[in-house]
Amino acid sequence: MGMYIGRGRKARRAFGFDEVAIVPGRVTINPDETDTTWTLRDIEFKVPILAAAMDGVVDVKMAVEMSKLGGLGVLNLEGVQTRYESPEEVLVDIAEAEPGVATQLVQKLYAPEIDEDLIGRRVREIKDAGAVCAVSATPTRAGRFGKLAEEAGADIFVVQSTVATIDHISSAYETLDIQTFIEGMTIPVIVGNCVTYDVTLDLMEAGADAVLVGVGPGAACTTRGVLGIGVPQVTATVDAAAARDLYYKRTGKFVPVITDGGMDTGGDVCKAFASGGDAVMIGSALARATEAPGRGYHWGMATPHVNLPRGARVKTGTSGTLEEILLGPARTDDGTQNLLGALRTCMGSVGAKNIFELQQAEIVIAPSIRSEGKLMQRTQHVGMWR
């Protein structure tokens, strides 16, 4: 398997969203009659889309609105929402910073210590609005923040790092025992991120209720450039889904795979599901919403790292309301709005009544899928080439 990249060294070919296409089915279905529901333990969501735990994407108001629309917004417990009692001015400063100093400013603004009292307050603000509350922390703080969030009433906790493994070795600090942590929580725990079959299986065996898949594909993430690591999302999702299926066969427990990052359009979202994803986590596409706290800007979770930033502040612009981006009606022709409508229409075109059936759709390698017949769009900078 794979091909030689030099003497005695093979590499496996991996594929991203722009290199594949979904084949239409022999039977088609009315898109309105498709079911996009996914379930996390005993919590059901009508919209299989999570808003990424990034400060330019999710604040309390955004989390509440995502929940009202049927999706899930994840609040970052290590960002400005828990460092500042009133983070609005900080968010304005980041949005208005000149490109050359944006990263340094983010590093400076993320320097103050986290106020643990704000963790409970943010959770309660989301819950008081009647929304499902999901919050996120890195492994180094999950042991402490997980219990604080749970006690405050959070519904879901996410342990998220650039690369997640069960066996993390360090002599400089105490590492998180993921299995022990999950066993000590009464609410569902999502763990990520990973891109391989083996690690996905490890995380599931440790008790994860869902696994995030994706290292470095996000629009604001520079991990692939800084560290040179990552696996394109189609291949990463297919491999993770294979681990999920084996785990289910062994145990009877179904652990959802959530494709995280790299999706900008409805077509990308559809390909993530066809590759085996049960849900998707999106950042930049939702940062365009008028409700998003980034004010048309988006930055990666590792942007404020004090020694080795692995994220950039990117300008997404503001294209419409969150409802338009998620549920339509679309005001643009480039696939960045009505993501759920795109998913339903794709499901109808391949004859998939639900997400599981979409995962069985045929996929072809199609490196010309974006360019074939699109010369006028490309030269005029419209549609797919906007």
Protein backbone atom coordinates (compact mmCIF):
# COMPACT_ATOMS: atom_id res chain seq x y z
CA MET A 1 0.00 0.00 0.00
CA GLY A 2 1.31 3.43 -0.86
CA MET A 3 4.05 4.48 -3.23
CA TYR A 4 7.77 5.02 -2.98
CA ILE A 5 8.84 8.60 -2.27
CA GLY A 6 12.52 7.66 -2.32
CA ARG A 7 14.81 4.70 -1.83
CA GLY A 8 13.26 2.31 0.66
CA ARG A 9 10.60 4.79 1.83
CA LYS A 10 6.89 4.54 1.06
CA ALA A 11 4.10 7.00 1.70
CA ARG A 12 0.36 6.44 1.59
CA ARG A 13 -1.68 8.71 -0.70
CA ALA A 14 -4.21 10.80 1.23
CA PHE A 15 -7.10 12.90 -0.06
CA GLY A 16 -8.75 16.19 0.81
CA PHE A 17 -12.16 17.61 -0.05
CA ASP A 18 -11.09 19.21 -3.35
CA GLU A 19 -9.78 15.89 -4.67
CA VAL A 20 -12.94 13.78 -4.44
CA ALA A 21 -16.60 13.88 -5.48
CA ILE A 22 -19.76 12.07 -4.39
CA VAL A 23 -21.45 9.94 -7.04
CA PRO A 24 -25.25 10.40 -7.44
CA GLY A 25 -27.34 7.35 -6.61
CA ARG A 26 -29.66 5.07 -8.61
CA VAL A 27 -32.57 6.27 -6.47
CA THR A 28 -33.26 9.88 -5.50
CA ILE A 29 -35.26 11.20 -2.56
CA ASN A 30 -37.13 14.41 -1.82
CA PRO A 31 -34.59 16.41 0.23
CA ASP A 32 -37.37 17.46 2.62
CA GLU A 33 -37.85 13.81 3.54
CA THR A 34 -34.25 13.20 4.63
CA ASP A 35 -33.21 12.93 8.27
CA THR A 36 -30.05 14.77 9.36
CA THR A 37 -30.38 13.94 13.07
CA TRP A 38 -27.37 12.83 15.08
CA THR A 39 -27.15 11.82 18.72
CA LEU A 40 -24.48 12.32 21.37
CA ARG A 41 -25.20 9.77 24.08
CA ASP A 42 -28.81 10.74 24.88
CA ILE A 43 -28.82 14.27 23.42
CA GLU A 44 -30.38 14.58 19.95
CA PHE A 45 -29.55 17.33 17.46
CA LYS A 46 -31.50 18.08 14.28
CA VAL A 47 -28.56 19.94 12.73
CA PRO A 48 -25.32 17.87 12.65
CA ILE A 49 -23.11 20.97 12.79
CA LEU A 50 -21.02 22.18 15.73
CA ALA A 51 -19.61 25.70 15.94
CA ALA A 52 -15.91 25.45 16.79
CA ALA A 53 -14.64 26.43 20.24
CA MET A 54 -12.85 29.53 18.96
CA ASP A 55 -13.25 33.05 20.31
CA GLY A 56 -14.07 34.54 16.91
CA VAL A 57 -16.85 31.99 16.43
CA VAL A 58 -18.59 31.26 19.73
CA ASP A 59 -19.56 33.42 22.67
CA VAL A 60 -22.58 33.00 24.92
CA LYS A 61 -25.00 34.59 22.44
CA MET A 62 -23.69 32.50 19.54
CA ALA A 63 -23.91 29.30 21.57
CA VAL A 64 -27.52 30.08 22.45
CA GLU A 65 -28.44 30.85 18.84
CA MET A 66 -26.75 27.66 17.57
CA SER A 67 -28.79 25.64 20.03
CA LYS A 68 -32.04 27.34 19.06
CA LEU A 69 -31.39 26.49 15.41
CA GLY A 70 -30.79 22.82 16.22
CA GLY A 71 -27.00 22.71 16.22
CA LEU A 72 -24.37 23.04 18.95
CA GLY A 73 -21.96 25.85 19.77
CA VAL A 74 -18.87 25.02 21.84
CA LEU A 75 -17.51 27.75 24.13
CA ASN A 76 -13.75 27.96 24.66
CA LEU A 77 -13.00 28.03 28.42
CA GLU A 78 -9.44 29.23 27.83
CA GLY A 79 -10.18 32.28 25.74
CA VAL A 80 -11.35 35.84 26.27
CA GLN A 81 -14.75 34.75 27.63
CA THR A 82 -13.11 33.49 30.82
CA ARG A 83 -10.24 35.98 31.02
CA TYR A 84 -12.35 39.13 30.85
CA GLU A 85 -15.62 39.90 32.57
CA SER A 86 -16.62 42.02 29.57
CA PRO A 87 -14.74 40.63 26.56
CA GLU A 88 -16.44 42.78 23.90
CA GLU A 89 -13.77 45.49 23.91
CA VAL A 90 -11.03 42.87 23.60
CA LEU A 91 -12.75 41.34 20.59
CA VAL A 92 -13.00 44.76 18.96
CA ASP A 93 -9.28 45.36 19.52
CA ILE A 94 -8.42 42.05 17.85
CA ALA A 95 -10.71 42.74 14.89
CA GLU A 96 -9.29 46.24 14.36
CA ALA A 97 -5.60 45.28 14.67
CA GLU A 98 -3.32 45.72 11.68
CA PRO A 99 -2.39 42.38 10.05
CA GLY A 100 1.29 42.70 10.97
CA VAL A 101 0.63 42.95 14.70
CA ALA A 102 -2.51 40.82 15.07
CA THR A 103 -0.73 37.73 16.40
CA GLN A 104 1.34 39.69 18.93
CA LEU A 105 -1.78 41.49 20.13
CA VAL A 106 -3.65 38.20 20.56
CA GLN A 107 -0.72 36.83 22.57
CA LYS A 108 -0.82 39.90 24.81
CA LEU A 109 -4.60 39.86 25.30
CA TYR A 110 -4.56 36.17 26.22
CA ALA A 111 -1.85 36.67 28.84
CA PRO A 112 -4.14 37.45 31.84
CA GLU A 113 -5.00 34.48 34.03
CA ILE A 114 -8.30 32.68 33.57
CA ASP A 115 -10.93 33.70 36.12
CA GLU A 116 -12.47 30.40 37.22
CA ASP A 117 -15.59 32.18 38.48
CA LEU A 118 -16.32 33.16 34.89
CA ILE A 119 -16.47 29.49 33.86
CA GLY A 120 -19.55 28.87 35.94
CA ARG A 121 -21.04 32.22 34.97
CA ARG A 122 -20.72 31.57 31.22
CA VAL A 123 -22.22 28.10 31.59
CA ARG A 124 -25.15 29.47 33.56
CA GLU A 125 -25.72 32.25 31.02
CA ILE A 126 -26.06 29.66 28.27
CA LYS A 127 -28.28 27.37 30.35
CA ASP A 128 -30.48 30.23 31.58
CA ALA A 129 -31.27 30.99 27.93
CA GLY A 130 -32.59 27.45 27.52
CA ALA A 131 -29.72 26.25 25.33
CA VAL A 132 -27.64 23.09 25.30
CA CYS A 133 -24.28 24.05 26.79
CA ALA A 134 -21.00 22.63 25.48
CA VAL A 135 -17.62 23.92 26.65
CA SER A 136 -14.02 23.09 25.75
CA ALA A 137 -10.61 23.01 27.43
CA THR A 138 -7.17 21.61 26.69
CA PRO A 139 -6.00 18.45 28.48
CA THR A 140 -3.81 20.41 30.91
CA ARG A 141 -6.84 22.25 32.30
CA ALA A 142 -9.60 19.73 31.62
CA GLY A 143 -9.19 17.98 34.98
CA ARG A 144 -10.01 21.21 36.82
CA PHE A 145 -12.36 22.92 34.37
CA GLY A 146 -14.37 19.80 33.60
CA LYS A 147 -15.74 19.56 37.12
CA LEU A 148 -16.34 23.30 37.37
CA ALA A 149 -18.34 23.24 34.14
CA GLU A 150 -20.26 20.13 35.13
CA GLU A 151 -21.17 21.59 38.52
CA ALA A 152 -22.40 24.76 36.81
CA GLY A 153 -24.76 22.73 34.62
CA ALA A 154 -22.87 22.15 31.35
CA ASP A 155 -24.34 19.42 29.16
CA ILE A 156 -21.21 18.45 27.19
CA PHE A 157 -17.47 18.79 27.82
CA VAL A 158 -14.84 18.79 25.07
CA VAL A 159 -11.20 17.91 25.69
CA GLN A 160 -9.43 19.37 22.71
CA SER A 161 -5.78 19.71 21.73
CA THR A 162 -3.80 19.98 18.49
CA VAL A 163 -2.98 16.27 18.70
CA ALA A 164 -4.77 14.02 21.20
CA THR A 165 -3.40 10.67 22.34
CA ILE A 166 -4.05 8.34 25.25
CA ASP A 167 -0.34 8.09 26.02
CA HIS A 168 1.14 11.57 26.50
CA ILE A 169 4.61 11.53 28.03
CA SER A 170 5.96 14.44 30.07
CA SER A 171 8.28 14.81 33.02
CA ALA A 172 7.64 18.57 33.27
CA TYR A 173 3.95 18.49 34.17
CA GLU A 174 1.19 16.14 35.19
CA THR A 175 -0.63 14.65 32.22
CA LEU A 176 -4.35 14.02 31.94
CA ASP A 177 -5.47 10.40 32.24
CA ILE A 178 -8.27 10.63 29.69
CA GLN A 179 -9.97 7.41 30.69
CA THR A 180 -10.01 8.31 34.38
CA PHE A 181 -11.23 11.81 33.54
CA ILE A 182 -14.12 10.51 31.41
CA GLU A 183 -15.09 7.96 34.07
CA GLY A 184 -15.29 10.79 36.61
CA MET A 185 -17.64 12.90 34.47
CA THR A 186 -21.40 12.38 34.39
CA ILE A 187 -21.91 14.36 31.17
CA PRO A 188 -20.80 13.32 27.65
CA VAL A 189 -17.14 13.95 26.84
CA ILE A 190 -15.90 14.63 23.31
CA VAL A 191 -12.15 14.15 22.77
CA GLY A 192 -9.87 15.29 19.95
CA ASN A 193 -8.14 15.92 17.74
CA CYS A 194 -6.80 12.93 15.85
CA VAL A 195 -6.35 11.76 12.26
CA THR A 196 -5.50 8.07 12.46
CA TYR A 197 -7.32 4.78 12.84
CA ASP A 198 -5.26 3.66 15.84
CA VAL A 199 -5.65 6.83 17.89
CA THR A 200 -9.37 7.04 17.13
CA LEU A 201 -9.75 3.50 18.43
CA ASP A 202 -7.64 4.35 21.50
CA LEU A 203 -9.85 7.33 22.35
CA MET A 204 -13.02 5.30 21.94
CA GLU A 205 -11.67 2.52 24.12
CA ALA A 206 -10.87 5.16 26.75
CA GLY A 207 -14.56 6.02 26.88
CA ALA A 208 -14.91 9.06 24.61
CA ASP A 209 -18.54 9.77 23.70
CA ALA A 210 -17.43 11.28 20.38
CA VAL A 211 -14.10 11.89 18.66
CA LEU A 212 -12.97 15.02 16.79
CA VAL A 213 -11.03 14.32 13.58
CA GLY A 214 -8.70 16.83 11.96
CA VAL A 215 -5.22 18.21 12.54
CA GLY A 216 -4.45 21.51 10.87
CA PRO A 217 -7.15 21.90 8.17
CA GLY A 218 -8.85 24.99 9.61
CA ALA A 219 -8.83 28.27 7.70
CA ALA A 220 -7.06 30.06 10.54
CA CYS A 221 -4.80 27.19 11.57
CA THR A 222 -1.10 27.19 10.59
CA THR A 223 -0.18 23.88 12.23
CA ARG A 224 0.50 22.18 8.92
CA GLY A 225 2.87 24.95 7.91
CA VAL A 226 4.57 25.39 11.28
CA LEU A 227 4.87 21.73 12.27
CA GLY A 228 4.41 19.92 8.95
CA ILE A 229 1.87 17.52 10.43
CA GLY A 230 -1.66 16.54 9.42
CA VAL A 231 -3.68 14.24 7.19
CA PRO A 232 -6.14 15.55 4.57
CA GLN A 233 -9.68 15.41 5.89
CA VAL A 234 -11.27 12.84 3.58
CA THR A 235 -8.66 10.21 4.36
CA ALA A 236 -8.59 11.12 8.06
CA THR A 237 -12.38 10.80 8.31
CA VAL A 238 -12.48 7.50 6.41
CA ASP A 239 -9.83 6.03 8.72
CA ALA A 240 -11.57 7.29 11.86
CA ALA A 241 -14.91 5.94 10.65
CA ALA A 242 -13.33 2.52 10.12
CA ALA A 243 -12.18 2.58 13.76
CA ARG A 244 -15.68 3.62 14.85
CA ASP A 245 -17.24 0.71 12.95
CA LEU A 246 -14.81 -1.81 14.43
CA TYR A 247 -15.41 -0.45 17.93
CA TYR A 248 -19.16 -0.73 17.45
CA LYS A 249 -18.81 -4.30 16.19
CA ARG A 250 -16.74 -5.22 19.25
CA THR A 251 -18.75 -3.44 21.92
CA GLY A 252 -22.17 -2.48 20.57
CA LYS A 253 -21.43 1.14 21.52
CA PHE A 254 -21.64 3.68 18.70
CA VAL A 255 -19.21 6.58 19.10
CA PRO A 256 -19.80 9.44 16.62
CA VAL A 257 -16.95 10.73 14.49
CA ILE A 258 -16.96 14.53 14.12
CA THR A 259 -14.98 15.90 11.19
CA ASP A 260 -13.37 19.10 12.47
CA GLY A 261 -12.10 21.79 10.13
CA GLY A 262 -11.36 22.36 6.45
CA MET A 263 -14.98 22.85 5.38
CA ASP A 264 -15.90 26.14 3.78
CA THR A 265 -18.91 25.22 1.63
CA GLY A 266 -21.90 22.92 1.61
CA GLY A 267 -20.03 20.63 -0.76
CA ASP A 268 -17.20 20.19 1.74
CA VAL A 269 -19.72 19.39 4.47
CA CYS A 270 -21.42 16.78 2.28
CA LYS A 271 -18.09 15.13 1.49
CA ALA A 272 -17.24 14.96 5.19
CA PHE A 273 -20.41 12.94 5.81
CA ALA A 274 -19.90 10.77 2.74
CA SER A 275 -16.40 10.01 4.07
CA GLY A 276 -17.93 8.62 7.26
CA GLY A 277 -18.51 11.61 9.53
CA ASP A 278 -21.53 11.64 11.84
CA ALA A 279 -21.32 15.39 12.46
CA VAL A 280 -19.02 18.27 11.52
CA MET A 281 -17.35 21.05 13.47
CA ILE A 282 -16.96 24.33 11.58
CA GLY A 283 -15.14 27.56 12.35
CA SER A 284 -14.56 30.04 9.52
CA ALA A 285 -17.86 29.35 7.73
CA LEU A 286 -19.75 30.36 10.90
CA ALA A 287 -17.39 33.23 11.71
CA ARG A 288 -19.08 34.99 8.78
CA ALA A 289 -22.36 35.21 10.70
CA THR A 290 -23.53 38.60 11.89
CA GLU A 291 -23.91 37.07 15.37
CA ALA A 292 -20.31 35.81 15.48
CA PRO A 293 -18.18 37.59 18.12
CA GLY A 294 -15.16 37.96 15.81
CA ARG A 295 -16.79 40.77 13.82
CA GLY A 296 -15.76 39.28 10.49
CA TYR A 297 -12.45 37.89 11.76
CA HIS A 298 -11.40 34.45 12.87
CA TRP A 299 -8.28 33.15 14.64
CA GLY A 300 -7.06 29.70 15.58
CA MET A 301 -7.02 28.21 19.07
CA ALA A 302 -3.21 28.07 19.06
CA THR A 303 -2.76 31.66 17.82
CA PRO A 304 -2.07 33.03 21.34
CA HIS A 305 0.62 30.42 22.13
CA VAL A 306 3.45 32.34 23.76
CA ASN A 307 6.34 30.48 22.11
CA LEU A 308 5.06 28.93 18.87
CA PRO A 309 1.79 30.36 17.52
CA ARG A 310 0.06 27.95 15.15
CA GLY A 311 -2.80 30.11 13.99
CA ALA A 312 -3.41 33.33 12.10
CA ARG A 313 -6.10 35.95 12.33
CA VAL A 314 -7.93 35.74 9.01
CA LYS A 315 -10.62 38.01 7.62
CA THR A 316 -13.77 36.07 6.83
CA GLY A 317 -16.04 39.03 6.37
CA THR A 318 -19.70 38.98 7.38
CA SER A 319 -22.01 37.44 4.79
CA GLY A 320 -25.33 36.87 6.56
CA THR A 321 -27.12 35.77 9.67
CA LEU A 322 -26.36 32.48 11.38
CA GLU A 323 -29.77 31.20 10.31
CA GLU A 324 -29.01 32.01 6.67
CA ILE A 325 -25.65 30.25 6.85
CA LEU A 326 -27.06 27.17 8.55
CA LEU A 327 -30.63 26.89 7.29
CA GLY A 328 -31.02 29.45 4.51
CA PRO A 329 -32.39 30.93 2.46
CA ALA A 330 -29.04 31.41 0.74
CA ARG A 331 -28.19 34.89 -0.54
CA THR A 332 -24.96 33.78 -2.22
CA ASP A 333 -24.19 31.33 -5.02
CA ASP A 334 -20.90 29.95 -3.72
CA GLY A 335 -22.13 27.30 -1.28
CA THR A 336 -21.30 29.20 1.91
CA GLN A 337 -24.94 29.57 3.00
CA ASN A 338 -27.76 27.11 3.74
CA LEU A 339 -25.33 24.36 4.69
CA LEU A 340 -28.11 22.12 5.96
CA GLY A 341 -30.05 22.65 2.73
CA ALA A 342 -26.97 21.59 0.77
CA LEU A 343 -26.63 18.49 2.93
CA ARG A 344 -30.28 17.54 2.46
CA THR A 345 -30.13 18.12 -1.30
CA CYS A 346 -26.98 15.99 -1.55
CA MET A 347 -28.67 13.23 0.46
CA GLY A 348 -31.64 13.37 -1.87
CA SER A 349 -29.37 13.17 -4.93
CA VAL A 350 -27.60 10.03 -3.71
CA GLY A 351 -30.76 8.42 -2.34
CA ALA A 352 -29.74 8.63 1.32
CA LYS A 353 -32.60 8.87 3.82
CA ASN A 354 -30.24 9.54 6.72
CA ILE A 355 -26.62 10.23 7.59
CA PHE A 356 -25.77 6.52 7.81
CA GLU A 357 -26.93 5.96 4.23
CA LEU A 358 -24.98 9.00 3.02
CA GLN A 359 -21.87 7.41 4.54
CA GLN A 360 -22.37 4.51 2.13
CA ALA A 361 -22.39 6.73 -0.99
CA GLU A 362 -19.81 6.08 -3.68
CA ILE A 363 -16.88 8.48 -3.76
CA VAL A 364 -14.56 8.97 -6.73
CA ILE A 365 -11.14 10.56 -6.95
CA ALA A 366 -11.81 13.73 -8.89
CA PRO A 367 -8.91 16.24 -8.95
CA SER A 368 -10.72 18.32 -11.59
CA ILE A 369 -14.00 18.52 -9.68
CA ARG A 370 -13.63 22.23 -8.94
CA SER A 371 -12.14 23.32 -12.27
CA GLU A 372 -13.95 21.21 -14.89
CA GLY A 373 -16.13 23.50 -17.01
CA LYS A 374 -15.67 26.43 -14.61
CA LEU A 375 -13.46 28.69 -16.73
CA MET A 376 -15.93 31.58 -16.76
CA GLN A 377 -16.50 31.39 -13.00
CA ARG A 378 -12.75 31.38 -12.44
CA THR A 379 -11.97 34.31 -14.75
CA GLN A 380 -14.93 36.35 -13.46
CA HIS A 381 -14.32 35.45 -9.78
CA VAL A 382 -17.90 34.33 -9.17
CA GLY A 383 -19.59 31.17 -7.87
CA MET A 384 -17.07 28.52 -6.87
CA TRP A 385 -14.18 30.90 -7.63
CA ARG A 386 -15.42 33.88 -5.64
